[in-house]
Amino acid sequence: MNLSDNLNNVLNNTLDLANNLSKMQQKFMESNLYGIFDGVLNIGIRAALPDLIEDDIINIKDNIMQNGIVDGVNEIVNNIKSFGKSTFGLITGNFENISQIQTAVKSGGVLDKISKIFDFALDKAKEKGLISNTMKNTLKSQKNSIAKNIKNNISSNLEDQVKYFEKIDEYNNKWQECFKNKDLKGMKNANKNIQKYLKKVLPIESTLNSARKIETLEKLIENKGNFELTKEELELVEALNS
């Protein structure tokens, strides 16, 4: 692949990112919240109804998830984005760093909605005959514990996000150092770790742009077989990833 092909690919990826970043961020937040609710409910139902077999626990959990929790998670994410727009002036709705997400979650009333969402899901599942009244009341008696665990898991998830972004910055700096030293092996190793942590973090435009720049420079160096990049090549890579 030549310089033109590489830069065209980067340009196409940049356009895709601009068009899809908001959807990517929403999908990421929804997926993480679904996972948290799913995991905590599994444990909570098992503790509240210890005599049930595993298949029944999963069935009850799935019924609760589908009858209120899923819609509730969507509402939470939309509230997070609305808070971001009003507080940070994010016209596109795209968060620019993980600190903005933390503020939106902690200050946007998100955590206060969890208990109401759980109540609604239980009532809806009961109305549809998917759980018994006894099960509903038993699970509601555990609501505070379940809601607290969900809140703790959300906070823990956000703290992990901060750590992942710090690791990306760390390996980005290592990559830059290896680039200066013309150490392609070291660059590849650092980039491998960057890609690993990118899979775990909320898609942030500046972080993705930086990762794409690294990817493009590596490919250019590999294709040329040396580190002798022209000023034009470097400027084009920089322009397409800024």
Foldseek 3Di string as FASTA:
>chain_A
DALVVLLVVLLVVLVVCVVCQLVLLLVLQLVLLLVLLLVLQLVLLCVLPVVDDSVLSNQVSVQLCVQQVSVLSNVLSVLLLVCCCVPVVPPVSHDADLVSSVCSCVPSCSLVCQLVSSLRSLVRCCVVVSDDPVSSVSSNVCSVVSSVSSVVSVVVLSVVQVVLVVLLVVLLVQLVVCLVVQNLVSNVVSLVSNVVSVVSHRDHLLSVLSSSLSVSQSVNCVVVVHSPDDPVSNVSSVVSSD
